Amino acid sequence: MKRFLIVSTLALTLGSAAAQAKPAAVYVGQNLAKTAKITLAQATKSALTARPGKITDTELEKEAGGSGLRYSFDITQAGVAYEVGIDAQTGKVLENAAEGKNPD
């Protein structure tokens, strides 16, 4: 009985530690992050300041405008999908508009 109790306690402890550990953020274009001056956390904060809501998609991409490298966030607010672009070098908001009929 003691052995069972010890094993059960150990399993619960290890399970709790694993549940508390957060996995690294994974997003499209993450391989470009080493060239960005702005971190994903900083860009996320800027995007949610510009357009409060729920982020449904995140991407780091090379795209015309600004420095040419931007974080792109799809944010849903009051049932409407918006795209917010944050320059990955300066942190400047490059785009903050409702998604069109054909979102990319």
Protein backbone atom coordinates (compact mmCIF):
# COMPACT_ATOMS: atom_id res chain seq x y z
CA MET A 1 0.00 0.00 0.00
CA LYS A 2 2.86 2.41 0.83
CA ARG A 3 4.50 1.68 -2.51
CA PHE A 4 1.24 2.45 -4.35
CA LEU A 5 0.84 5.69 -2.41
CA ILE A 6 4.41 6.79 -3.18
CA VAL A 7 4.07 5.96 -6.88
CA SER A 8 0.70 7.74 -7.07
CA THR A 9 2.06 10.84 -5.33
CA LEU A 10 5.09 10.91 -7.64
CA ALA A 11 2.89 10.57 -10.72
CA LEU A 12 0.64 13.41 -9.58
CA THR A 13 3.62 15.63 -8.82
CA LEU A 14 5.24 15.02 -12.20
CA GLY A 15 1.91 15.44 -13.96
CA SER A 16 1.32 18.79 -12.26
CA ALA A 17 4.77 20.05 -13.21
CA ALA A 18 4.23 19.06 -16.82
CA ALA A 19 0.84 20.76 -16.91
CA GLN A 20 2.32 24.01 -15.56
CA ALA A 21 5.16 24.12 -18.09
CA LYS A 22 4.21 26.22 -21.10
CA PRO A 23 5.32 25.00 -24.51
CA ALA A 24 7.33 27.40 -26.67
CA ALA A 25 5.18 29.55 -28.94
CA VAL A 26 4.96 28.03 -32.40
CA TYR A 27 3.75 30.09 -35.33
CA VAL A 28 4.18 30.31 -39.10
CA GLY A 29 7.45 32.04 -39.95
CA GLN A 30 9.05 31.43 -36.56
CA ASN A 31 12.32 30.71 -38.38
CA LEU A 32 12.48 34.44 -39.28
CA ALA A 33 12.35 35.51 -35.61
CA LYS A 34 16.14 35.65 -35.32
CA THR A 35 16.17 38.58 -37.78
CA ALA A 36 13.42 40.53 -35.98
CA LYS A 37 14.25 43.26 -33.45
CA ILE A 38 10.75 43.09 -31.94
CA THR A 39 9.85 39.90 -30.06
CA LEU A 40 6.61 38.01 -30.52
CA ALA A 41 5.54 39.11 -27.02
CA GLN A 42 6.16 42.78 -27.84
CA ALA A 43 4.35 42.49 -31.18
CA THR A 44 1.41 40.71 -29.54
CA LYS A 45 1.07 43.49 -26.96
CA SER A 46 1.12 46.14 -29.70
CA ALA A 47 -1.43 44.27 -31.81
CA LEU A 48 -3.85 43.85 -28.91
CA THR A 49 -3.44 47.52 -27.98
CA ALA A 50 -4.30 48.50 -31.57
CA ARG A 51 -7.17 45.99 -31.84
CA PRO A 52 -8.41 44.41 -28.58
CA GLY A 53 -9.91 40.97 -29.10
CA LYS A 54 -8.90 37.33 -29.41
CA ILE A 55 -5.88 36.37 -31.51
CA THR A 56 -6.79 33.43 -33.73
CA ASP A 57 -3.64 33.25 -35.88
CA THR A 58 -0.07 34.56 -35.76
CA GLU A 59 2.51 34.74 -38.54
CA LEU A 60 5.91 36.34 -39.11
CA GLU A 61 6.34 37.06 -42.79
CA LYS A 62 8.28 38.98 -45.38
CA GLU A 63 5.86 41.45 -46.93
CA ALA A 64 6.05 44.82 -48.65
CA GLY A 65 5.68 47.87 -46.45
CA GLY A 66 7.63 49.00 -43.41
CA SER A 67 10.91 47.14 -43.01
CA GLY A 68 9.62 44.22 -45.09
CA LEU A 69 9.32 41.89 -42.10
CA ARG A 70 6.08 41.90 -40.14
CA TYR A 71 4.12 40.02 -37.56
CA SER A 72 0.60 39.43 -38.82
CA PHE A 73 -2.18 38.73 -36.34
CA ASP A 74 -5.73 37.67 -37.08
CA ILE A 75 -7.83 39.11 -34.27
CA THR A 76 -11.54 38.54 -33.73
CA GLN A 77 -13.45 41.37 -32.10
CA ALA A 78 -17.23 41.29 -31.68
CA GLY A 79 -17.49 38.52 -34.28
CA VAL A 80 -15.50 40.41 -36.92
CA ALA A 81 -12.07 39.22 -38.11
CA TYR A 82 -9.33 41.84 -38.39
CA GLU A 83 -5.74 41.66 -39.59
CA VAL A 84 -3.21 43.63 -37.59
CA GLY A 85 0.33 43.93 -38.94
CA ILE A 86 3.24 44.96 -36.71
CA ASP A 87 6.63 45.84 -38.18
CA ALA A 88 9.10 43.30 -36.78
CA GLN A 89 11.96 45.82 -36.78
CA THR A 90 10.28 48.97 -35.43
CA GLY A 91 7.09 47.78 -33.68
CA LYS A 92 5.01 50.22 -35.72
CA VAL A 93 1.41 49.22 -36.58
CA LEU A 94 1.38 48.75 -40.36
CA GLU A 95 -2.15 47.40 -40.77
CA ASN A 96 -5.31 47.34 -38.70
CA ALA A 97 -8.29 46.51 -40.88
CA ALA A 98 -11.19 44.12 -41.22
CA GLU A 99 -10.39 41.01 -43.27
CA GLY A 100 -11.68 41.16 -46.81
CA LYS A 101 -13.67 38.50 -48.65
CA ASN A 102 -10.48 36.60 -49.51
CA PRO A 103 -8.21 36.72 -46.42
CA ASP A 104 -4.62 35.56 -46.94
